[in-house]
Amino acid sequence: MAASAVMRLQTVVSREICMMDRAVVTVGALQAGSSPNIIPDESLLRLNVRTLDEHVRETVLAAIKRIINAEATASKAPKPPAFTVLGEFPLTSNDEAATAKVIEVLKGRFGTDVQQGNPATASEDFSVFARTWKTPLVFWFVGGTDPQKYSQAEQAGLLTDLPSNHSPQFAPVLNPTLRIGIEAMLTAAGHG
């Protein structure tokens, strides 16, 4: 039942979300049973959902519940599935005026190495601080990949193969990453 649910969950983004919208549904863990010769009587699925729009999020969450409940019904589960939300993070949306100011001062300090990126479907609690304090926010990334490895990956068209912060292979180069990160923070804070 759990395996069937995981397979069906893979269709949520491709079949239920408009191709112009962004959504991610990740089954990060599936735990069931402890012995190869005993059929488990329960399983645990841990999912991560990321969207850039609240309506899309509602659609994805409804699809997940519908699919899990349908798989339980199809498998004649002895009890209905239980759903528990372990963490929810509001959309992180940079303040336009504050972002423009931060980009300007960072470009003044670091030059063309400062680039404005595209929206990303990341799970991030940073926006909770800005919402709580009712203050504008600017969320940015500091690259940490070895410059030579980055250049090689870029030339080969393999930038997406570089390990990111949720990869077990992620290991930022300590120097200059730490120094640049601190300089970026101090530069932005000094002109706020």
Protein backbone atom coordinates (compact mmCIF):
# COMPACT_ATOMS: atom_id res chain seq x y z
CA MET A 1 0.00 0.00 0.00
CA ALA A 2 2.78 2.47 0.91
CA ALA A 3 4.73 1.67 -2.27
CA SER A 4 1.61 2.18 -4.38
CA ALA A 5 0.94 5.49 -2.65
CA VAL A 6 4.50 6.68 -3.31
CA MET A 7 4.18 5.81 -7.01
CA ARG A 8 0.84 7.61 -7.27
CA LEU A 9 2.15 10.68 -5.40
CA GLN A 10 4.73 11.12 -8.16
CA THR A 11 1.88 12.09 -10.50
CA VAL A 12 0.60 15.04 -8.44
CA VAL A 13 2.98 17.62 -9.91
CA SER A 14 2.98 16.24 -13.46
CA ARG A 15 -0.78 15.67 -13.75
CA GLU A 16 -2.50 18.11 -11.39
CA ILE A 17 -0.38 21.25 -11.42
CA CYS A 18 -0.24 23.67 -14.34
CA MET A 19 3.13 23.55 -16.07
CA MET A 20 3.50 27.30 -15.45
CA ASP A 21 3.29 26.77 -11.68
CA ARG A 22 6.05 25.32 -9.55
CA ALA A 23 5.53 22.55 -7.05
CA VAL A 24 7.63 19.83 -5.46
CA VAL A 25 6.33 16.72 -3.72
CA THR A 26 9.14 14.65 -2.21
CA VAL A 27 8.68 11.38 -0.37
CA GLY A 28 11.81 11.64 1.72
CA ALA A 29 11.22 8.57 3.88
CA LEU A 30 9.20 5.38 3.77
CA GLN A 31 9.41 3.17 6.84
CA ALA A 32 7.54 -0.13 7.13
CA GLY A 33 8.26 -3.36 8.96
CA SER A 34 11.45 -4.76 10.42
CA SER A 35 11.61 -8.35 9.16
CA PRO A 36 11.72 -9.77 5.62
CA ASN A 37 9.18 -12.53 6.39
CA ILE A 38 6.50 -10.48 8.19
CA ILE A 39 4.03 -8.24 6.40
CA PRO A 40 4.12 -4.88 8.22
CA ASP A 41 0.89 -3.75 9.85
CA GLU A 42 1.67 -0.06 9.39
CA SER A 43 3.94 2.25 7.44
CA LEU A 44 5.13 5.81 7.75
CA LEU A 45 5.61 8.18 4.82
CA ARG A 46 7.39 11.49 5.33
CA LEU A 47 6.70 14.06 2.63
CA ASN A 48 7.99 17.50 1.82
CA VAL A 49 5.80 19.88 -0.20
CA ARG A 50 7.07 23.11 -1.72
CA THR A 51 5.18 25.62 -3.87
CA LEU A 52 5.44 29.28 -4.85
CA ASP A 53 1.70 29.93 -4.53
CA GLU A 54 -0.80 29.26 -1.72
CA HIS A 55 -3.53 28.05 -4.11
CA VAL A 56 -1.13 25.57 -5.69
CA ARG A 57 -0.15 24.43 -2.19
CA GLU A 58 -3.79 23.79 -1.27
CA THR A 59 -4.26 21.81 -4.49
CA VAL A 60 -1.17 19.69 -3.79
CA LEU A 61 -2.13 18.99 -0.16
CA ALA A 62 -5.66 18.00 -1.18
CA ALA A 63 -4.27 15.65 -3.85
CA ILE A 64 -1.94 14.02 -1.32
CA LYS A 65 -4.78 13.33 1.11
CA ARG A 66 -7.04 12.06 -1.68
CA ILE A 67 -4.35 9.69 -2.98
CA ILE A 68 -3.35 8.32 0.43
CA ASN A 69 -6.99 7.78 1.40
CA ALA A 70 -7.77 6.12 -1.95
CA GLU A 71 -4.80 3.74 -1.64
CA ALA A 72 -5.92 2.81 1.88
CA THR A 73 -9.44 2.12 0.60
CA ALA A 74 -8.16 0.13 -2.40
CA SER A 75 -5.98 -1.99 -0.09
CA LYS A 76 -8.76 -2.55 2.48
CA ALA A 77 -6.72 -0.92 5.23
CA PRO A 78 -8.15 -1.78 8.66
CA LYS A 79 -8.09 1.90 9.68
CA PRO A 80 -7.92 5.23 7.85
CA PRO A 81 -4.57 6.94 7.38
CA ALA A 82 -3.46 9.55 9.92
CA PHE A 83 -1.97 12.84 8.74
CA THR A 84 0.38 14.92 10.86
CA VAL A 85 1.98 18.22 9.82
CA LEU A 86 5.48 18.41 11.28
CA GLY A 87 6.43 21.81 9.90
CA GLU A 88 4.94 24.51 7.72
CA PHE A 89 6.79 27.47 6.34
CA PRO A 90 5.13 30.47 4.70
CA LEU A 91 6.23 31.64 1.29
CA THR A 92 9.49 33.56 1.42
CA SER A 93 9.02 36.63 -0.73
CA ASN A 94 11.74 39.27 -0.87
CA ASP A 95 10.70 42.90 -0.43
CA GLU A 96 11.34 44.59 -3.80
CA ALA A 97 12.71 47.90 -2.48
CA ALA A 98 14.93 46.27 0.14
CA THR A 99 16.16 43.73 -2.42
CA ALA A 100 17.09 46.45 -4.91
CA LYS A 101 19.05 48.27 -2.18
CA VAL A 102 20.86 45.11 -1.04
CA ILE A 103 21.75 44.17 -4.62
CA GLU A 104 23.13 47.67 -5.21
CA VAL A 105 25.39 47.62 -2.14
CA LEU A 106 26.50 44.02 -2.71
CA LYS A 107 27.39 44.78 -6.33
CA GLY A 108 29.33 47.80 -5.09
CA ARG A 109 31.34 45.48 -2.84
CA PHE A 110 31.56 42.27 -4.92
CA GLY A 111 30.98 43.45 -8.50
CA THR A 112 29.56 41.14 -11.14
CA ASP A 113 29.67 38.11 -8.83
CA VAL A 114 26.30 39.34 -7.46
CA GLN A 115 23.41 38.01 -9.51
CA GLN A 116 19.68 38.16 -8.96
CA GLY A 117 18.31 34.64 -9.08
CA ASN A 118 14.95 33.18 -9.94
CA PRO A 119 12.29 32.06 -7.48
CA ALA A 120 13.05 28.68 -5.92
CA THR A 121 10.85 26.08 -4.27
CA ALA A 122 12.85 25.83 -1.08
CA SER A 123 11.58 24.99 2.39
CA GLU A 124 12.64 28.00 4.41
CA ASP A 125 11.62 29.35 7.80
CA PHE A 126 13.42 32.68 7.34
CA SER A 127 10.20 34.47 6.36
CA VAL A 128 8.71 33.66 9.78
CA PHE A 129 11.10 36.21 11.32
CA ALA A 130 10.10 39.01 8.92
CA ARG A 131 6.39 38.25 9.33
CA THR A 132 6.68 38.16 13.13
CA TRP A 133 8.64 41.40 13.27
CA LYS A 134 6.61 42.99 10.43
CA THR A 135 9.76 44.00 8.59
CA PRO A 136 10.87 43.69 4.96
CA LEU A 137 13.07 40.73 4.17
CA VAL A 138 15.80 39.92 1.69
CA PHE A 139 16.89 36.30 1.46
CA TRP A 140 20.02 35.51 -0.53
CA PHE A 141 22.45 32.69 -1.12
CA VAL A 142 26.23 32.70 -0.91
CA GLY A 143 27.94 30.23 -3.22
CA GLY A 144 30.23 27.73 -1.54
CA THR A 145 31.44 25.52 -4.37
CA ASP A 146 35.11 25.34 -5.22
CA PRO A 147 35.50 27.91 -8.05
CA GLN A 148 37.42 25.48 -10.27
CA LYS A 149 34.76 22.74 -9.87
CA TYR A 150 32.02 25.31 -10.53
CA SER A 151 33.74 26.53 -13.69
CA GLN A 152 34.21 22.96 -14.96
CA ALA A 153 30.57 22.09 -14.26
CA GLU A 154 29.41 25.30 -15.94
CA GLN A 155 31.48 24.62 -19.07
CA ALA A 156 30.16 21.05 -19.21
CA GLY A 157 26.55 22.18 -18.68
CA LEU A 158 26.39 20.22 -15.42
CA LEU A 159 25.68 22.93 -12.82
CA THR A 160 22.63 21.03 -11.56
CA ASP A 161 24.91 18.08 -10.76
CA LEU A 162 26.81 20.08 -8.14
CA PRO A 163 25.75 19.08 -4.61
CA SER A 164 23.49 21.58 -2.88
CA ASN A 165 22.85 22.15 0.81
CA HIS A 166 20.51 19.14 1.19
CA SER A 167 22.86 16.67 -0.47
CA PRO A 168 25.02 14.30 1.59
CA GLN A 169 27.90 15.33 -0.71
CA PHE A 170 27.49 19.03 0.10
CA ALA A 171 30.75 20.40 1.48
CA PRO A 172 31.25 24.14 0.94
CA VAL A 173 34.79 25.37 0.61
CA LEU A 174 35.41 26.99 3.99
CA ASN A 175 37.65 29.71 2.62
CA PRO A 176 36.48 32.01 1.02
CA THR A 177 32.83 30.99 1.66
CA LEU A 178 32.77 31.94 5.33
CA ARG A 179 34.63 35.20 4.76
CA ILE A 180 32.45 36.22 1.79
CA GLY A 181 29.26 35.33 3.69
CA ILE A 182 30.26 37.50 6.64
CA GLU A 183 31.33 40.35 4.36
CA ALA A 184 28.01 40.16 2.49
CA MET A 185 26.02 40.28 5.72
CA LEU A 186 28.05 43.20 7.12
CA THR A 187 27.88 45.08 3.80
CA ALA A 188 24.10 44.73 3.56
CA ALA A 189 23.52 45.50 7.26
CA GLY A 190 25.78 48.56 7.11
CA HIS A 191 23.63 50.13 4.39
CA GLY A 192 20.18 49.22 5.77
